[in-house]
Amino acid sequence: AFLLVGTGVGIGDALGLVPGLARLAHLHLLLVGFVCLTIAGAMTQFVPVWSGTALHSRRLARAQLWLVGGGLLGLAAGFLTDRQAVLPPAGAFVLLGFWTLAYNVGRTLAAARPLDVTERHFAVALGCFVALTPLGLLLAVGFVSRVFDSPPVTRGGVVGAHATLAVFGAVLTTVYGALYQLGT
């Protein structure tokens, strides 16, 4: 669903038909909604199989989906309607969802000692999810308050760190870890 909606928003934005911060909505719907939720589901499903251990909690796995998905819908709605006051609470839900993923899969990985190369990649990717989400929340807060007026870090610097941790840390590290497992 996020792939379809994100694609629609992207096409609508290219045609000048989508209001608000359509580019941010488009990027988040595709990267968070499609790519990262797929990663979260794959990690939740396959880490226990690859590691020969039980998933720490199925209840937390369900919660992470609803937290990330609901938060992302709030972010997209806030971006598209230019109602920036909804961005911080929606971002908090996304953060809680990814931190729930990191805790749940991290506890699952902790039962699989020693970690192989795939599991180490996944542990690093989970750490990147934990690091990138507070940056995203800070960016969301920056839409409604003046958090970037005088700190030593600029909004652009936080955007760059957030995007880098997302793409190279969370996404590509997961892909490389999975390729080690699937390639053999």
N, C-alpha and C. Protein backbone atom coordinates (compact mmCIF):
# COMPACT_ATOMS: atom_id res chain seq x y z
N ALA A 1 0.83 -1.20 0.00
CA ALA A 1 0.00 0.00 0.00
C ALA A 1 0.87 1.26 0.00
N PHE A 2 1.94 1.25 0.81
CA PHE A 2 2.81 2.43 0.84
C PHE A 2 3.54 2.61 -0.49
N LEU A 3 3.90 1.54 -1.15
CA LEU A 3 4.53 1.63 -2.47
C LEU A 3 3.57 2.30 -3.46
N LEU A 4 2.32 1.86 -3.47
CA LEU A 4 1.35 2.43 -4.40
C LEU A 4 1.06 3.89 -4.09
N VAL A 5 0.83 4.20 -2.82
CA VAL A 5 0.53 5.58 -2.45
C VAL A 5 1.75 6.47 -2.70
N GLY A 6 2.94 5.99 -2.33
CA GLY A 6 4.14 6.78 -2.56
C GLY A 6 4.39 7.04 -4.03
N THR A 7 4.14 6.03 -4.87
CA THR A 7 4.29 6.20 -6.31
C THR A 7 3.28 7.23 -6.82
N GLY A 8 2.04 7.12 -6.35
CA GLY A 8 1.01 8.07 -6.76
C GLY A 8 1.35 9.50 -6.35
N VAL A 9 1.85 9.67 -5.13
CA VAL A 9 2.25 11.01 -4.68
C VAL A 9 3.41 11.52 -5.52
N GLY A 10 4.36 10.65 -5.85
CA GLY A 10 5.49 11.07 -6.67
C GLY A 10 5.07 11.51 -8.06
N ILE A 11 4.18 10.75 -8.66
CA ILE A 11 3.68 11.11 -9.99
C ILE A 11 2.87 12.40 -9.90
N GLY A 12 2.01 12.48 -8.91
CA GLY A 12 1.23 13.71 -8.72
C GLY A 12 2.10 14.93 -8.49
N ASP A 13 3.19 14.75 -7.74
CA ASP A 13 4.12 15.86 -7.49
C ASP A 13 4.80 16.27 -8.79
N ALA A 14 5.23 15.29 -9.59
CA ALA A 14 5.89 15.60 -10.86
C ALA A 14 4.96 16.38 -11.80
N LEU A 15 3.67 16.10 -11.69
CA LEU A 15 2.68 16.78 -12.54
C LEU A 15 2.17 18.07 -11.90
N GLY A 16 2.66 18.40 -10.71
CA GLY A 16 2.22 19.61 -10.02
C GLY A 16 0.83 19.52 -9.44
N LEU A 17 0.36 18.31 -9.15
CA LEU A 17 -1.01 18.12 -8.68
C LEU A 17 -1.13 17.89 -7.17
N VAL A 18 0.00 17.72 -6.49
CA VAL A 18 -0.04 17.37 -5.08
C VAL A 18 0.40 18.58 -4.26
N PRO A 19 -0.39 18.94 -3.24
CA PRO A 19 -0.06 20.13 -2.45
C PRO A 19 0.96 19.84 -1.35
N GLY A 20 1.30 20.88 -0.64
CA GLY A 20 2.14 20.74 0.55
C GLY A 20 3.56 20.33 0.22
N LEU A 21 4.14 19.62 1.17
CA LEU A 21 5.52 19.14 1.04
C LEU A 21 5.51 17.75 0.41
N ALA A 22 5.06 17.72 -0.84
CA ALA A 22 4.84 16.45 -1.54
C ALA A 22 6.12 15.63 -1.66
N ARG A 23 7.25 16.29 -1.88
CA ARG A 23 8.50 15.53 -2.05
C ARG A 23 8.85 14.79 -0.76
N LEU A 24 8.68 15.44 0.38
CA LEU A 24 8.96 14.76 1.65
C LEU A 24 7.99 13.61 1.88
N ALA A 25 6.73 13.82 1.54
CA ALA A 25 5.75 12.74 1.67
C ALA A 25 6.13 11.57 0.77
N HIS A 26 6.47 11.87 -0.47
CA HIS A 26 6.86 10.86 -1.44
C HIS A 26 8.06 10.05 -0.94
N LEU A 27 9.12 10.73 -0.51
CA LEU A 27 10.32 10.05 -0.03
C LEU A 27 10.03 9.17 1.18
N HIS A 28 9.27 9.68 2.12
CA HIS A 28 9.00 8.91 3.34
C HIS A 28 8.05 7.74 3.07
N LEU A 29 7.06 7.94 2.22
CA LEU A 29 6.16 6.83 1.90
C LEU A 29 6.92 5.68 1.25
N LEU A 30 7.85 6.01 0.35
CA LEU A 30 8.60 4.95 -0.32
C LEU A 30 9.71 4.37 0.56
N LEU A 31 10.53 5.23 1.15
CA LEU A 31 11.68 4.72 1.90
C LEU A 31 11.27 4.11 3.24
N VAL A 32 10.47 4.83 3.99
CA VAL A 32 10.04 4.29 5.29
C VAL A 32 8.94 3.26 5.10
N GLY A 33 7.92 3.64 4.33
CA GLY A 33 6.74 2.78 4.20
C GLY A 33 6.98 1.52 3.42
N PHE A 34 7.64 1.62 2.30
CA PHE A 34 7.86 0.43 1.49
C PHE A 34 9.15 -0.28 1.88
N VAL A 35 10.28 0.42 1.78
CA VAL A 35 11.57 -0.24 1.98
C VAL A 35 11.79 -0.65 3.44
N CYS A 36 11.67 0.31 4.35
CA CYS A 36 12.01 0.01 5.76
C CYS A 36 10.99 -0.90 6.43
N LEU A 37 9.71 -0.77 6.11
CA LEU A 37 8.74 -1.71 6.68
C LEU A 37 8.95 -3.11 6.11
N THR A 38 9.38 -3.20 4.86
CA THR A 38 9.71 -4.51 4.30
C THR A 38 10.91 -5.09 5.03
N ILE A 39 11.91 -4.27 5.29
CA ILE A 39 13.07 -4.73 6.06
C ILE A 39 12.64 -5.18 7.45
N ALA A 40 11.80 -4.40 8.10
CA ALA A 40 11.34 -4.76 9.45
C ALA A 40 10.62 -6.10 9.44
N GLY A 41 9.76 -6.30 8.47
CA GLY A 41 9.06 -7.58 8.38
C GLY A 41 9.99 -8.73 8.07
N ALA A 42 10.94 -8.49 7.16
CA ALA A 42 11.89 -9.55 6.80
C ALA A 42 12.78 -9.90 7.99
N MET A 43 13.28 -8.89 8.68
CA MET A 43 14.11 -9.18 9.86
C MET A 43 13.33 -9.96 10.91
N THR A 44 12.10 -9.52 11.15
CA THR A 44 11.27 -10.18 12.15
C THR A 44 10.99 -11.63 11.77
N GLN A 45 10.82 -11.89 10.49
CA GLN A 45 10.52 -13.24 10.02
C GLN A 45 11.76 -14.10 9.92
N PHE A 46 12.83 -13.56 9.35
CA PHE A 46 13.96 -14.40 8.98
C PHE A 46 15.08 -14.48 10.01
N VAL A 47 15.25 -13.47 10.85
CA VAL A 47 16.31 -13.56 11.85
C VAL A 47 16.14 -14.79 12.74
N PRO A 48 14.94 -15.08 13.23
CA PRO A 48 14.80 -16.30 14.03
C PRO A 48 15.14 -17.57 13.24
N VAL A 49 14.76 -17.60 11.96
CA VAL A 49 15.04 -18.78 11.13
C VAL A 49 16.54 -18.92 10.90
N TRP A 50 17.18 -17.81 10.45
CA TRP A 50 18.61 -17.86 10.17
C TRP A 50 19.42 -18.13 11.43
N SER A 51 18.94 -17.60 12.56
CA SER A 51 19.71 -17.70 13.80
C SER A 51 19.39 -18.94 14.61
N GLY A 52 18.38 -19.68 14.20
CA GLY A 52 18.01 -20.89 14.92
C GLY A 52 17.50 -20.62 16.32
N THR A 53 16.78 -19.54 16.48
CA THR A 53 16.24 -19.16 17.78
C THR A 53 14.81 -18.64 17.61
N ALA A 54 14.11 -18.49 18.69
CA ALA A 54 12.73 -17.98 18.63
C ALA A 54 12.72 -16.46 18.63
N LEU A 55 11.74 -15.88 17.94
CA LEU A 55 11.53 -14.44 18.00
C LEU A 55 11.25 -14.04 19.44
N HIS A 56 11.85 -12.96 19.90
CA HIS A 56 11.66 -12.54 21.28
C HIS A 56 10.17 -12.35 21.60
N SER A 57 9.42 -11.61 20.74
CA SER A 57 8.02 -11.33 21.04
C SER A 57 7.22 -11.08 19.77
N ARG A 58 6.22 -11.89 19.55
CA ARG A 58 5.32 -11.64 18.41
C ARG A 58 4.44 -10.42 18.68
N ARG A 59 4.10 -10.19 19.93
CA ARG A 59 3.28 -9.03 20.29
C ARG A 59 4.02 -7.73 19.94
N LEU A 60 5.31 -7.67 20.25
CA LEU A 60 6.09 -6.49 19.89
C LEU A 60 6.21 -6.35 18.37
N ALA A 61 6.29 -7.47 17.68
CA ALA A 61 6.36 -7.42 16.21
C ALA A 61 5.11 -6.79 15.62
N ARG A 62 3.95 -7.14 16.16
CA ARG A 62 2.71 -6.52 15.69
C ARG A 62 2.69 -5.04 16.05
N ALA A 63 3.14 -4.71 17.26
CA ALA A 63 3.14 -3.31 17.70
C ALA A 63 4.04 -2.45 16.81
N GLN A 64 5.22 -2.97 16.44
CA GLN A 64 6.14 -2.18 15.62
C GLN A 64 5.50 -1.83 14.29
N LEU A 65 4.77 -2.75 13.69
CA LEU A 65 4.12 -2.48 12.42
C LEU A 65 3.11 -1.34 12.55
N TRP A 66 2.26 -1.42 13.57
CA TRP A 66 1.21 -0.40 13.74
C TRP A 66 1.80 0.95 14.13
N LEU A 67 2.86 0.94 14.94
CA LEU A 67 3.49 2.21 15.32
C LEU A 67 4.14 2.89 14.13
N VAL A 68 4.93 2.14 13.37
CA VAL A 68 5.59 2.73 12.21
C VAL A 68 4.56 3.11 11.15
N GLY A 69 3.66 2.20 10.82
CA GLY A 69 2.66 2.48 9.79
C GLY A 69 1.76 3.65 10.14
N GLY A 70 1.25 3.67 11.36
CA GLY A 70 0.40 4.78 11.79
C GLY A 70 1.15 6.09 11.84
N GLY A 71 2.37 6.05 12.37
CA GLY A 71 3.18 7.27 12.41
C GLY A 71 3.49 7.79 11.02
N LEU A 72 3.78 6.89 10.11
CA LEU A 72 4.08 7.30 8.74
C LEU A 72 2.86 7.91 8.07
N LEU A 73 1.70 7.35 8.29
CA LEU A 73 0.48 7.96 7.74
C LEU A 73 0.30 9.38 8.26
N GLY A 74 0.59 9.57 9.55
CA GLY A 74 0.51 10.91 10.13
C GLY A 74 1.53 11.86 9.51
N LEU A 75 2.77 11.37 9.32
CA LEU A 75 3.79 12.21 8.68
C LEU A 75 3.35 12.60 7.26
N ALA A 76 2.92 11.62 6.49
CA ALA A 76 2.52 11.90 5.11
C ALA A 76 1.35 12.88 5.07
N ALA A 77 0.38 12.67 5.95
CA ALA A 77 -0.76 13.60 6.00
C ALA A 77 -0.30 15.00 6.38
N GLY A 78 0.59 15.10 7.36
CA GLY A 78 1.11 16.40 7.75
C GLY A 78 1.86 17.09 6.63
N PHE A 79 2.70 16.33 5.91
CA PHE A 79 3.44 16.90 4.79
C PHE A 79 2.50 17.37 3.68
N LEU A 80 1.51 16.54 3.35
CA LEU A 80 0.64 16.84 2.21
C LEU A 80 -0.37 17.94 2.50
N THR A 81 -0.80 18.05 3.74
CA THR A 81 -1.79 19.08 4.09
C THR A 81 -1.15 20.33 4.68
N ASP A 82 0.17 20.31 4.81
CA ASP A 82 0.91 21.43 5.40
C ASP A 82 0.48 21.71 6.84
N ARG A 83 0.01 20.64 7.52
CA ARG A 83 -0.34 20.75 8.95
C ARG A 83 0.86 20.24 9.74
N GLN A 84 1.83 21.11 9.91
CA GLN A 84 3.10 20.72 10.49
C GLN A 84 3.02 20.35 11.97
N ALA A 85 1.97 20.76 12.65
CA ALA A 85 1.83 20.42 14.07
C ALA A 85 1.69 18.91 14.28
N VAL A 86 1.25 18.17 13.27
CA VAL A 86 1.11 16.71 13.43
C VAL A 86 2.43 15.98 13.22
N LEU A 87 3.45 16.66 12.70
CA LEU A 87 4.71 15.98 12.40
C LEU A 87 5.43 15.46 13.64
N PRO A 88 5.59 16.24 14.71
CA PRO A 88 6.28 15.68 15.88
C PRO A 88 5.59 14.47 16.51
N PRO A 89 4.27 14.51 16.77
CA PRO A 89 3.67 13.29 17.33
C PRO A 89 3.71 12.10 16.38
N ALA A 90 3.53 12.35 15.09
CA ALA A 90 3.62 11.25 14.12
C ALA A 90 5.04 10.70 14.08
N GLY A 91 6.02 11.59 14.11
CA GLY A 91 7.42 11.16 14.14
C GLY A 91 7.74 10.36 15.39
N ALA A 92 7.12 10.72 16.51
CA ALA A 92 7.34 9.97 17.75
C ALA A 92 6.82 8.53 17.61
N PHE A 93 5.70 8.35 16.92
CA PHE A 93 5.19 7.00 16.70
C PHE A 93 6.15 6.19 15.81
N VAL A 94 6.70 6.83 14.77
CA VAL A 94 7.66 6.13 13.91
C VAL A 94 8.89 5.74 14.73
N LEU A 95 9.40 6.67 15.54
CA LEU A 95 10.54 6.36 16.40
C LEU A 95 10.24 5.18 17.31
N LEU A 96 9.10 5.22 17.99
CA LEU A 96 8.74 4.11 18.89
C LEU A 96 8.63 2.79 18.14
N GLY A 97 8.10 2.83 16.93
CA GLY A 97 7.99 1.61 16.14
C GLY A 97 9.34 1.02 15.78
N PHE A 98 10.27 1.87 15.32
CA PHE A 98 11.58 1.35 14.95
C PHE A 98 12.41 0.96 16.18
N TRP A 99 12.22 1.66 17.27
CA TRP A 99 12.92 1.24 18.49
C TRP A 99 12.35 -0.08 19.01
N THR A 100 11.06 -0.30 18.82
CA THR A 100 10.47 -1.59 19.18
C THR A 100 11.05 -2.70 18.31
N LEU A 101 11.19 -2.43 17.01
CA LEU A 101 11.86 -3.39 16.12
C LEU A 101 13.26 -3.70 16.60
N ALA A 102 14.04 -2.65 16.90
CA ALA A 102 15.42 -2.84 17.32
C ALA A 102 15.50 -3.65 18.62
N TYR A 103 14.62 -3.37 19.55
CA TYR A 103 14.61 -4.12 20.81
C TYR A 103 14.24 -5.58 20.56
N ASN A 104 13.17 -5.80 19.82
CA ASN A 104 12.65 -7.14 19.61
C ASN A 104 13.63 -8.01 18.82
N VAL A 105 14.12 -7.50 17.70
CA VAL A 105 15.06 -8.27 16.89
C VAL A 105 16.42 -8.32 17.58
N GLY A 106 16.78 -7.25 18.26
CA GLY A 106 18.03 -7.26 19.01
C GLY A 106 18.04 -8.32 20.10
N ARG A 107 16.93 -8.45 20.82
CA ARG A 107 16.83 -9.51 21.83
C ARG A 107 16.86 -10.89 21.19
N THR A 108 16.30 -11.01 20.01
CA THR A 108 16.34 -12.28 19.28
C THR A 108 17.78 -12.59 18.87
N LEU A 109 18.50 -11.60 18.36
CA LEU A 109 19.89 -11.80 17.98
C LEU A 109 20.77 -12.12 19.19
N ALA A 110 20.46 -11.54 20.32
CA ALA A 110 21.27 -11.79 21.52
C ALA A 110 21.24 -13.25 21.94
N ALA A 111 20.19 -13.96 21.57
CA ALA A 111 20.08 -15.39 21.89
C ALA A 111 20.85 -16.25 20.90
N ALA A 112 21.42 -15.64 19.87
CA ALA A 112 22.08 -16.39 18.78
C ALA A 112 23.58 -16.18 18.80
N ARG A 113 24.20 -16.44 19.91
CA ARG A 113 25.66 -16.22 20.02
C ARG A 113 26.42 -17.43 19.53
N PRO A 114 27.57 -17.33 18.92
CA PRO A 114 28.16 -16.09 18.40
C PRO A 114 27.46 -15.66 17.12
N LEU A 115 27.50 -14.36 16.85
CA LEU A 115 26.82 -13.83 15.67
C LEU A 115 27.65 -14.11 14.42
N ASP A 116 26.96 -14.56 13.36
CA ASP A 116 27.64 -14.72 12.08
C ASP A 116 27.65 -13.38 11.34
N VAL A 117 28.18 -13.35 10.12
CA VAL A 117 28.33 -12.11 9.39
C VAL A 117 26.97 -11.46 9.08
N THR A 118 25.97 -12.25 8.76
CA THR A 118 24.63 -11.71 8.50
C THR A 118 24.06 -11.09 9.76
N GLU A 119 24.17 -11.80 10.85
CA GLU A 119 23.61 -11.29 12.11
C GLU A 119 24.32 -10.02 12.56
N ARG A 120 25.63 -9.94 12.34
CA ARG A 120 26.36 -8.72 12.69
C ARG A 120 25.89 -7.55 11.82
N HIS A 121 25.68 -7.78 10.54
CA HIS A 121 25.15 -6.73 9.67
C HIS A 121 23.78 -6.26 10.18
N PHE A 122 22.93 -7.19 10.54
CA PHE A 122 21.60 -6.82 11.03
C PHE A 122 21.69 -6.04 12.33
N ALA A 123 22.62 -6.41 13.21
CA ALA A 123 22.78 -5.68 14.46
C ALA A 123 23.21 -4.23 14.18
N VAL A 124 24.11 -4.04 13.23
CA VAL A 124 24.53 -2.68 12.86
C VAL A 124 23.35 -1.93 12.25
N ALA A 125 22.57 -2.57 11.39
CA ALA A 125 21.41 -1.92 10.78
C ALA A 125 20.41 -1.50 11.85
N LEU A 126 20.18 -2.36 12.84
CA LEU A 126 19.27 -2.00 13.93
C LEU A 126 19.79 -0.78 14.70
N GLY A 127 21.11 -0.74 14.92
CA GLY A 127 21.69 0.43 15.56
C GLY A 127 21.48 1.69 14.75
N CYS A 128 21.54 1.57 13.43
CA CYS A 128 21.29 2.73 12.57
C CYS A 128 19.84 3.18 12.66
N PHE A 129 18.89 2.24 12.74
CA PHE A 129 17.49 2.61 12.95
C PHE A 129 17.33 3.38 14.26
N VAL A 130 18.01 2.92 15.30
CA VAL A 130 17.93 3.59 16.60
C VAL A 130 18.53 5.00 16.52
N ALA A 131 19.60 5.18 15.75
CA ALA A 131 20.26 6.47 15.64
C ALA A 131 19.53 7.44 14.70
N LEU A 132 18.97 6.94 13.62
CA LEU A 132 18.38 7.84 12.63
C LEU A 132 17.01 8.37 13.04
N THR A 133 16.27 7.61 13.82
CA THR A 133 14.91 8.04 14.16
C THR A 133 14.85 9.26 15.09
N PRO A 134 15.75 9.41 16.08
CA PRO A 134 15.71 10.67 16.85
C PRO A 134 16.06 11.88 15.98
N LEU A 135 16.92 11.67 14.99
CA LEU A 135 17.22 12.77 14.07
C LEU A 135 15.98 13.16 13.27
N GLY A 136 15.22 12.15 12.84
CA GLY A 136 13.97 12.43 12.14
C GLY A 136 12.98 13.16 13.03
N LEU A 137 12.89 12.74 14.28
CA LEU A 137 11.99 13.41 15.21
C LEU A 137 12.45 14.85 15.44
N LEU A 138 13.75 15.07 15.55
CA LEU A 138 14.27 16.43 15.70
C LEU A 138 13.90 17.28 14.49
N LEU A 139 14.00 16.71 13.30
CA LEU A 139 13.60 17.43 12.09
C LEU A 139 12.11 17.76 12.11
N ALA A 140 11.29 16.82 12.57
CA ALA A 140 9.85 17.07 12.67
C ALA A 140 9.57 18.20 13.65
N VAL A 141 10.25 18.18 14.78
CA VAL A 141 10.07 19.25 15.77
C VAL A 141 10.52 20.58 15.18
N GLY A 142 11.54 20.55 14.33
CA GLY A 142 12.03 21.76 13.70
C GLY A 142 11.02 22.44 12.80
N PHE A 143 9.99 21.73 12.38
CA PHE A 143 8.93 22.36 11.59
C PHE A 143 8.03 23.25 12.44
N VAL A 144 7.96 22.98 13.74
CA VAL A 144 7.03 23.73 14.59
C VAL A 144 7.72 24.55 15.68
N SER A 145 9.03 24.40 15.82
CA SER A 145 9.76 25.22 16.79
C SER A 145 11.09 25.63 16.19
N ARG A 146 11.80 26.44 16.91
CA ARG A 146 13.03 27.04 16.37
C ARG A 146 14.27 26.30 16.87
N VAL A 147 14.28 24.99 16.77
CA VAL A 147 15.39 24.20 17.30
C VAL A 147 16.69 24.39 16.51
N PHE A 148 16.59 24.87 15.28
CA PHE A 148 17.79 25.02 14.45
C PHE A 148 18.25 26.47 14.33
N ASP A 149 17.71 27.35 15.17
CA ASP A 149 18.09 28.76 15.07
C ASP A 149 19.52 29.03 15.51
N SER A 150 19.98 28.38 16.57
CA SER A 150 21.32 28.72 17.05
C SER A 150 22.18 27.54 17.50
N PRO A 151 21.78 26.31 17.29
CA PRO A 151 22.67 25.23 17.73
C PRO A 151 23.89 25.11 16.81
N PRO A 152 24.88 24.37 17.23
CA PRO A 152 26.06 24.21 16.38
C PRO A 152 25.81 23.36 15.13
N VAL A 153 24.67 22.69 15.08
CA VAL A 153 24.33 21.83 13.95
C VAL A 153 23.19 22.48 13.17
N THR A 154 23.31 22.48 11.86
CA THR A 154 22.26 23.07 11.03
C THR A 154 21.20 22.03 10.66
N ARG A 155 20.06 22.52 10.22
CA ARG A 155 19.01 21.62 9.74
C ARG A 155 19.54 20.76 8.60
N GLY A 156 20.29 21.34 7.70
CA GLY A 156 20.86 20.59 6.58
C GLY A 156 21.80 19.49 7.05
N GLY A 157 22.57 19.76 8.08
CA GLY A 157 23.45 18.74 8.63
C GLY A 157 22.68 17.58 9.23
N VAL A 158 21.59 17.89 9.91
CA VAL A 158 20.75 16.84 10.50
C VAL A 158 20.05 16.05 9.40
N VAL A 159 19.57 16.74 8.37
CA VAL A 159 18.96 16.04 7.23
C VAL A 159 19.96 15.09 6.60
N GLY A 160 21.19 15.56 6.40
CA GLY A 160 22.22 14.72 5.79
C GLY A 160 22.54 13.49 6.63
N ALA A 161 22.66 13.68 7.94
CA ALA A 161 22.94 12.54 8.83
C ALA A 161 21.76 11.57 8.85
N HIS A 162 20.56 12.11 8.91
CA HIS A 162 19.34 11.28 8.93
C HIS A 162 19.25 10.43 7.66
N ALA A 163 19.44 11.07 6.51
CA ALA A 163 19.35 10.35 5.22
C ALA A 163 20.48 9.35 5.07
N THR A 164 21.68 9.72 5.48
CA THR A 164 22.83 8.82 5.35
C THR A 164 22.65 7.58 6.22
N LEU A 165 22.25 7.78 7.48
CA LEU A 165 22.01 6.63 8.35
C LEU A 165 20.89 5.75 7.82
N ALA A 166 19.88 6.37 7.21
CA ALA A 166 18.76 5.60 6.68
C ALA A 166 19.19 4.75 5.49
N VAL A 167 19.78 5.39 4.49
CA VAL A 167 20.09 4.69 3.25
C VAL A 167 21.30 3.76 3.40
N PHE A 168 22.40 4.31 3.89
CA PHE A 168 23.63 3.51 3.95
C PHE A 168 23.70 2.66 5.21
N GLY A 169 23.13 3.14 6.30
CA GLY A 169 23.18 2.38 7.54
C GLY A 169 22.10 1.32 7.64
N ALA A 170 20.85 1.74 7.64
CA ALA A 170 19.76 0.80 7.85
C ALA A 170 19.48 -0.06 6.62
N VAL A 171 19.32 0.57 5.47
CA VAL A 171 18.89 -0.16 4.27
C VAL A 171 20.03 -1.00 3.67
N LEU A 172 21.12 -0.36 3.28
CA LEU A 172 22.17 -1.10 2.58
C LEU A 172 22.87 -2.12 3.48
N THR A 173 23.03 -1.80 4.76
CA THR A 173 23.65 -2.78 5.66
C THR A 173 22.76 -4.01 5.78
N THR A 174 21.46 -3.82 5.82
CA THR A 174 20.54 -4.97 5.84
C THR A 174 20.66 -5.78 4.55
N VAL A 175 20.69 -5.10 3.42
CA VAL A 175 20.79 -5.79 2.14
C VAL A 175 22.09 -6.59 2.06
N TYR A 176 23.21 -5.97 2.44
CA TYR A 176 24.48 -6.70 2.41
C TYR A 176 24.45 -7.90 3.34
N GLY A 177 23.90 -7.73 4.52
CA GLY A 177 23.80 -8.87 5.46
C GLY A 177 22.96 -9.99 4.88
N ALA A 178 21.85 -9.64 4.27
CA ALA A 178 20.99 -10.66 3.67
C ALA A 178 21.68 -11.36 2.50
N LEU A 179 22.46 -10.61 1.73
CA LEU A 179 23.17 -11.22 0.60
C LEU A 179 24.19 -12.24 1.07
N TYR A 180 24.84 -12.00 2.18
CA TYR A 180 25.76 -13.00 2.73
C TYR A 180 25.03 -14.30 3.00
N GLN A 181 23.82 -14.19 3.53
CA GLN A 181 23.04 -15.39 3.87
C GLN A 181 22.45 -16.03 2.61
N LEU A 182 21.86 -15.20 1.77
CA LEU A 182 21.16 -15.73 0.59
C LEU A 182 22.12 -16.18 -0.50
N GLY A 183 23.28 -15.53 -0.59
CA GLY A 183 24.25 -15.87 -1.62
C GLY A 183 24.80 -17.28 -1.47
N THR A 184 24.86 -17.76 -0.24
CA THR A 184 25.38 -19.11 -0.03
C THR A 184 24.29 -20.15 -0.24
